[in-house]
Amino acid sequence: MTSVRVAVVDIGTNSTRLLVADVRDDGVEELDRRSVVTRLGEDVDATGRLADAAQERVFERLAEYAESIERHDCERRLAVLTSAVRDADNGAAFAGAVRERFGLDARTLSGDEEARLTYLGATAARDAGAEPLLVVDIGGGSTELVTGARGQMDFHVSTQAGVVRHTERFLRDDPPAREDVDALARDVRAVFEEAVPAAVRERVRAAVAVAGTATSVAAIDAGIEPYDPARVEGAVVRAFRVAEISATLSALPLEERRAVPGLHPDRAPTIVAGTILLGQVLEAFRLDRFEASERDILWGAAIDVAP
């Protein structure tokens, strides 16, 4: 049985995450996994550039992650960069700095590549059933929607809807004004319905949602405090609970949201937008629940880079 030790860093719009894992023929064994909100995409939607302070927050985190990567003697060392870097005028220069300073194979993914790797990770440990499945990845700057069956994608799209992007566009007050919450919901619903043909939305029968919004909602729903990835993995949340959680969070000022059990305080500034996006995805696809998963683009990139 072959085994390759892989380090993958996901440098996203909202968070910077690390996975160190042994990738074998029969699966992925996680050795180290970390996630920190770094807000690389702060103000990118308005300015078109990665701010110096935001880049430094990521560099500080990468310096910490480098210690784990060296300690585990990883054979493959990959960084995947997503929406904020794709959109920023200085994104290529930032990717070059990541490559040169930290010795990572830094790749700025297209939306199509991000969707493919997300689906690969989310379905890697699932039975390849025939039921049409939706994989949802709500990020800081984009949301990937991927459908497939029997382990094979049949549709994917990367949309310009994300928790940082839409928080900055719509949610200016603390707590957010009701009319702004409603405007955000209308905007992302239109984005999702325009991006995914009705025939695709109608054939989906189940959803797996990955990344921080979905896992946070699952933890809040089950009252998981402190956060426990093992309890979140596979947790099923009904759509009406997503709506209830969204309404509760949107009525709270930021400091009170930071104290909600199951929600990491650093996700409090963007979680209202996240719950709205998640709820609108479920409504657009006429689904009454989703399954949360910790297996996401980190897993997909690790599997993909291992021979």
Protein backbone atom coordinates (compact mmCIF):
# COMPACT_ATOMS: atom_id res chain seq x y z
CA MET A 1 0.00 0.00 0.00
CA THR A 2 1.47 3.35 -1.02
CA SER A 3 1.43 6.29 1.39
CA VAL A 4 2.40 9.90 0.73
CA ARG A 5 2.68 12.54 3.44
CA VAL A 6 1.12 15.75 2.19
CA ALA A 7 0.78 19.28 3.54
CA VAL A 8 -1.96 21.44 2.07
CA VAL A 9 -2.55 25.07 3.01
CA ASP A 10 -5.84 26.59 1.90
CA ILE A 11 -5.44 30.37 1.70
CA GLY A 12 -9.00 31.55 1.43
CA THR A 13 -10.77 34.89 1.50
CA ASN A 14 -11.76 34.48 5.15
CA SER A 15 -9.43 31.88 6.68
CA THR A 16 -6.04 30.23 6.30
CA ARG A 17 -6.10 26.49 6.98
CA LEU A 18 -3.60 23.65 7.21
CA LEU A 19 -3.93 19.93 6.65
CA VAL A 20 -1.04 17.51 7.17
CA ALA A 21 -2.07 13.99 6.23
CA ASP A 22 -0.93 10.61 5.03
CA VAL A 23 -2.74 9.85 1.79
CA ARG A 24 -3.03 6.12 1.13
CA ASP A 25 -4.86 3.93 -1.31
CA ASP A 26 -7.57 3.32 1.28
CA GLY A 27 -8.06 6.89 2.50
CA VAL A 28 -6.70 9.96 4.25
CA GLU A 29 -5.28 9.97 7.78
CA GLU A 30 -5.15 13.46 9.27
CA LEU A 31 -2.04 14.22 11.33
CA ASP A 32 -2.54 17.95 11.89
CA ARG A 33 -5.38 20.28 10.99
CA ARG A 34 -5.70 23.97 11.84
CA SER A 35 -7.86 26.90 10.82
CA VAL A 36 -7.53 30.60 11.64
CA VAL A 37 -9.62 33.50 10.38
CA THR A 38 -7.18 35.85 8.63
CA ARG A 39 -9.56 37.88 6.38
CA LEU A 40 -7.21 38.06 3.40
CA GLY A 41 -10.13 39.27 1.30
CA GLU A 42 -10.91 42.26 3.51
CA ASP A 43 -11.96 45.17 1.23
CA VAL A 44 -10.90 43.32 -1.96
CA ASP A 45 -14.43 43.66 -3.32
CA ALA A 46 -14.17 47.46 -2.99
CA THR A 47 -10.48 48.10 -3.76
CA GLY A 48 -9.51 45.24 -6.08
CA ARG A 49 -6.31 44.66 -4.07
CA LEU A 50 -5.07 42.54 -1.16
CA ALA A 51 -4.32 44.91 1.71
CA ASP A 52 -0.82 44.88 3.17
CA ALA A 53 -2.14 44.20 6.68
CA ALA A 54 -4.25 41.30 5.44
CA GLN A 55 -1.27 39.75 3.65
CA GLU A 56 0.82 40.05 6.82
CA ARG A 57 -1.85 38.22 8.83
CA VAL A 58 -1.60 35.32 6.40
CA PHE A 59 2.22 35.36 6.38
CA GLU A 60 2.27 35.18 10.19
CA ARG A 61 0.02 32.14 10.10
CA LEU A 62 2.06 30.47 7.36
CA ALA A 63 5.18 30.87 9.47
CA GLU A 64 3.47 28.91 12.25
CA TYR A 65 2.21 26.26 9.84
CA ALA A 66 5.72 25.88 8.39
CA GLU A 67 6.89 24.47 11.72
CA SER A 68 4.34 21.65 11.55
CA ILE A 69 5.12 20.96 7.89
CA GLU A 70 8.84 20.63 8.67
CA ARG A 71 8.25 18.55 11.79
CA HIS A 72 6.15 16.07 9.83
CA ASP A 73 8.67 15.93 6.97
CA CYS A 74 6.02 16.29 4.27
CA GLU A 75 6.85 15.00 0.79
CA ARG A 76 4.32 17.22 -1.00
CA ARG A 77 3.80 20.84 0.08
CA LEU A 78 0.95 22.65 -1.61
CA ALA A 79 -0.89 25.93 -1.12
CA VAL A 80 -4.21 26.53 -2.86
CA LEU A 81 -5.31 30.14 -3.22
CA THR A 82 -8.90 30.94 -4.06
CA SER A 83 -11.36 33.80 -4.59
CA ALA A 84 -9.59 36.79 -3.02
CA VAL A 85 -6.33 36.04 -4.81
CA ARG A 86 -8.14 35.35 -8.11
CA ASP A 87 -9.90 38.71 -7.89
CA ALA A 88 -7.05 40.93 -6.64
CA ASP A 89 -4.81 42.94 -8.95
CA ASN A 90 -1.82 42.01 -6.77
CA GLY A 91 -2.88 38.38 -6.33
CA ALA A 92 -0.07 37.00 -8.51
CA ALA A 93 2.55 38.90 -6.50
CA PHE A 94 1.08 37.54 -3.26
CA ALA A 95 1.14 33.97 -4.61
CA GLY A 96 4.77 34.46 -5.60
CA ALA A 97 5.63 35.61 -2.09
CA VAL A 98 3.95 32.53 -0.60
CA ARG A 99 5.96 30.35 -2.96
CA GLU A 100 9.31 32.02 -2.28
CA ARG A 101 9.05 32.65 1.46
CA PHE A 102 7.53 29.34 2.55
CA GLY A 103 8.58 26.81 -0.09
CA LEU A 104 5.01 25.91 -0.97
CA ASP A 105 3.79 24.97 -4.44
CA ALA A 106 1.36 27.91 -4.49
CA ARG A 107 -1.47 27.52 -7.01
CA THR A 108 -4.18 30.09 -7.62
CA LEU A 109 -7.17 27.94 -8.47
CA SER A 110 -9.77 28.80 -11.05
CA GLY A 111 -13.38 28.50 -9.93
CA ASP A 112 -13.64 25.26 -11.89
CA GLU A 113 -10.58 23.80 -10.16
CA GLU A 114 -11.88 24.85 -6.76
CA ALA A 115 -15.20 23.15 -7.43
CA ARG A 116 -13.52 19.94 -8.63
CA LEU A 117 -11.27 19.65 -5.59
CA THR A 118 -14.12 20.46 -3.22
CA TYR A 119 -16.25 17.68 -4.71
CA LEU A 120 -13.31 15.26 -4.60
CA GLY A 121 -12.73 15.93 -0.92
CA ALA A 122 -16.39 15.94 0.11
CA THR A 123 -17.12 12.60 -1.57
CA ALA A 124 -13.82 10.81 -0.90
CA ALA A 125 -15.10 8.87 2.11
CA ARG A 126 -18.71 8.47 0.97
CA ASP A 127 -20.33 5.49 -0.68
CA ALA A 128 -20.71 6.21 -4.40
CA GLY A 129 -24.50 6.13 -4.41
CA ALA A 130 -26.73 6.84 -7.37
CA GLU A 131 -28.67 9.63 -5.63
CA PRO A 132 -27.97 13.05 -7.22
CA LEU A 133 -25.88 14.95 -4.65
CA LEU A 134 -25.14 18.65 -4.19
CA VAL A 135 -21.86 19.70 -2.61
CA VAL A 136 -21.91 23.26 -1.25
CA ASP A 137 -18.76 25.21 -0.33
CA ILE A 138 -19.55 28.68 1.03
CA GLY A 139 -16.35 30.68 1.16
CA GLY A 140 -15.39 34.25 1.87
CA GLY A 141 -15.52 35.46 -1.71
CA SER A 142 -17.23 32.70 -3.66
CA THR A 143 -19.62 29.79 -3.27
CA GLU A 144 -19.00 26.58 -5.19
CA LEU A 145 -22.02 24.46 -6.13
CA VAL A 146 -21.22 21.01 -7.49
CA THR A 147 -23.60 18.19 -8.36
CA GLY A 148 -22.95 14.59 -9.22
CA ALA A 149 -23.80 10.95 -8.66
CA ARG A 150 -21.82 7.74 -8.29
CA GLY A 151 -18.77 9.79 -7.34
CA GLN A 152 -18.72 11.68 -10.65
CA MET A 153 -19.42 15.40 -11.12
CA ASP A 154 -22.03 16.31 -13.70
CA PHE A 155 -22.32 20.07 -13.06
CA HIS A 156 -20.28 22.69 -11.25
CA VAL A 157 -20.17 26.45 -10.93
CA SER A 158 -18.27 29.00 -8.86
CA THR A 159 -20.45 31.99 -7.96
CA GLN A 160 -19.45 35.46 -6.79
CA ALA A 161 -21.30 35.07 -3.51
CA GLY A 162 -19.32 34.84 -0.28
CA VAL A 163 -19.51 35.67 3.41
CA VAL A 164 -16.87 38.41 3.37
CA ARG A 165 -17.97 39.85 0.02
CA HIS A 166 -21.64 40.00 0.99
CA THR A 167 -21.09 41.16 4.55
CA GLU A 168 -19.13 44.13 3.19
CA ARG A 169 -21.74 44.83 0.51
CA PHE A 170 -24.91 44.59 2.58
CA LEU A 171 -24.51 44.35 6.36
CA ARG A 172 -23.39 47.75 7.57
CA ASP A 173 -25.18 48.03 10.93
CA ASP A 174 -24.71 46.15 14.20
CA PRO A 175 -26.93 44.20 14.42
CA PRO A 176 -27.80 44.20 10.73
CA ALA A 177 -30.92 46.05 9.64
CA ARG A 178 -33.80 43.83 8.55
CA GLU A 179 -34.01 45.44 5.13
CA ASP A 180 -30.29 44.79 4.54
CA VAL A 181 -30.65 41.14 5.54
CA ASP A 182 -33.56 40.78 3.13
CA ALA A 183 -31.64 42.52 0.35
CA LEU A 184 -28.70 40.17 0.83
CA ALA A 185 -31.01 37.15 0.65
CA ARG A 186 -32.62 38.39 -2.56
CA ASP A 187 -29.25 39.07 -4.14
CA VAL A 188 -27.71 35.65 -3.46
CA ARG A 189 -30.92 33.82 -4.36
CA ALA A 190 -30.80 35.49 -7.77
CA VAL A 191 -27.11 34.62 -8.11
CA PHE A 192 -27.71 30.93 -7.36
CA GLU A 193 -30.78 30.59 -9.57
CA GLU A 194 -29.04 32.30 -12.48
CA ALA A 195 -25.88 30.21 -12.06
CA VAL A 196 -27.57 26.80 -11.82
CA PRO A 197 -30.15 25.76 -14.43
CA ALA A 198 -33.55 24.78 -13.06
CA ALA A 199 -33.16 21.23 -14.42
CA VAL A 200 -29.99 20.76 -12.38
CA ARG A 201 -31.57 22.17 -9.21
CA GLU A 202 -34.63 19.97 -9.58
CA ARG A 203 -32.76 16.67 -9.91
CA VAL A 204 -30.70 17.04 -6.71
CA ARG A 205 -31.97 14.98 -3.78
CA ALA A 206 -29.42 15.61 -1.00
CA ALA A 207 -26.75 18.13 0.02
CA VAL A 208 -23.37 17.96 1.72
CA ALA A 209 -22.08 21.34 2.88
CA VAL A 210 -18.44 21.96 3.76
CA ALA A 211 -16.38 24.86 5.17
CA GLY A 212 -16.86 27.16 8.15
CA THR A 213 -20.43 28.33 7.68
CA ALA A 214 -21.89 24.84 7.40
CA THR A 215 -19.82 23.32 10.19
CA SER A 216 -20.56 26.29 12.47
CA VAL A 217 -24.30 25.98 11.84
CA ALA A 218 -24.11 22.25 12.63
CA ALA A 219 -22.22 22.97 15.86
CA ILE A 220 -24.70 25.68 16.89
CA ASP A 221 -27.66 23.42 16.08
CA ALA A 222 -26.30 20.57 18.22
CA GLY A 223 -24.88 22.81 20.96
CA ILE A 224 -21.36 21.45 20.42
CA GLU A 225 -19.13 23.48 22.72
CA PRO A 226 -16.18 23.31 22.55
CA TYR A 227 -16.13 22.57 18.83
CA ASP A 228 -15.57 18.87 18.08
CA PRO A 229 -14.90 17.93 14.41
CA ALA A 230 -15.81 14.30 15.07
CA ARG A 231 -19.31 15.28 16.26
CA VAL A 232 -19.81 17.78 13.44
CA GLU A 233 -18.83 15.33 10.68
CA GLY A 234 -22.03 13.90 9.22
CA ALA A 235 -24.36 16.03 11.35
CA VAL A 236 -27.67 16.69 9.61
CA VAL A 237 -29.35 20.10 9.97
CA ARG A 238 -32.89 20.76 8.79
CA ALA A 239 -33.59 23.82 6.63
CA PHE A 240 -36.02 25.28 9.16
CA ARG A 241 -33.24 25.21 11.77
CA VAL A 242 -30.91 27.07 9.40
CA ALA A 243 -33.61 29.75 9.11
CA GLU A 244 -34.10 29.89 12.88
CA ILE A 245 -30.36 30.10 13.57
CA SER A 246 -29.98 32.80 10.92
CA ALA A 247 -32.80 34.88 12.43
CA THR A 248 -31.34 34.53 15.92
CA LEU A 249 -27.81 35.49 14.87
CA SER A 250 -28.94 38.43 12.74
CA ALA A 251 -30.79 39.91 15.74
CA LEU A 252 -27.68 39.85 17.95
CA PRO A 253 -24.99 42.55 18.06
CA LEU A 254 -21.51 41.34 17.16
CA GLU A 255 -20.23 40.95 20.71
CA GLU A 256 -23.18 38.74 21.63
CA ARG A 257 -22.73 36.65 18.48
CA ARG A 258 -19.13 36.02 19.55
CA ALA A 259 -20.47 34.23 22.66
CA VAL A 260 -22.91 31.89 20.87
CA PRO A 261 -22.10 28.25 21.78
CA GLY A 262 -20.71 26.33 18.81
CA LEU A 263 -19.56 29.47 16.96
CA HIS A 264 -15.90 30.43 16.95
CA PRO A 265 -15.73 34.13 17.94
CA ASP A 266 -13.66 34.99 14.85
CA ARG A 267 -16.48 33.81 12.58
CA ALA A 268 -19.05 36.05 14.27
CA PRO A 269 -18.52 39.03 11.89
CA THR A 270 -19.48 37.02 8.79
CA ILE A 271 -21.75 34.25 10.09
CA VAL A 272 -24.99 36.15 9.42
CA ALA A 273 -24.18 36.38 5.72
CA GLY A 274 -23.07 32.74 5.82
CA THR A 275 -26.35 31.47 7.23
CA ILE A 276 -28.31 33.49 4.68
CA LEU A 277 -26.26 32.03 1.82
CA LEU A 278 -26.70 28.51 3.16
CA GLY A 279 -30.44 28.96 3.59
CA GLN A 280 -30.83 30.38 0.10
CA VAL A 281 -28.92 27.46 -1.43
CA LEU A 282 -31.29 25.02 0.24
CA GLU A 283 -34.33 26.99 -0.93
CA ALA A 284 -33.03 27.30 -4.50
CA PHE A 285 -32.54 23.51 -4.67
CA ARG A 286 -35.76 22.79 -2.72
CA LEU A 287 -33.92 20.78 -0.09
CA ASP A 288 -35.13 20.42 3.49
CA ARG A 289 -31.76 19.58 5.09
CA PHE A 290 -28.02 19.35 4.62
CA GLU A 291 -25.24 17.15 5.96
CA ALA A 292 -22.17 18.94 7.34
CA SER A 293 -18.72 17.63 6.49
CA GLU A 294 -15.17 18.46 7.54
CA ARG A 295 -13.90 16.80 4.34
CA ASP A 296 -13.49 19.62 1.90
CA ILE A 297 -10.99 21.17 -0.50
CA LEU A 298 -8.12 20.33 1.88
CA TRP A 299 -8.88 16.64 1.44
CA GLY A 300 -9.47 17.07 -2.27
CA ALA A 301 -6.16 18.86 -2.82
CA ALA A 302 -4.29 16.29 -0.70
CA ILE A 303 -5.71 13.39 -2.70
CA ASP A 304 -5.10 15.20 -5.97
CA VAL A 305 -1.45 16.02 -5.30
CA ALA A 306 -0.53 12.53 -4.04
CA PRO A 307 0.55 10.19 -6.88
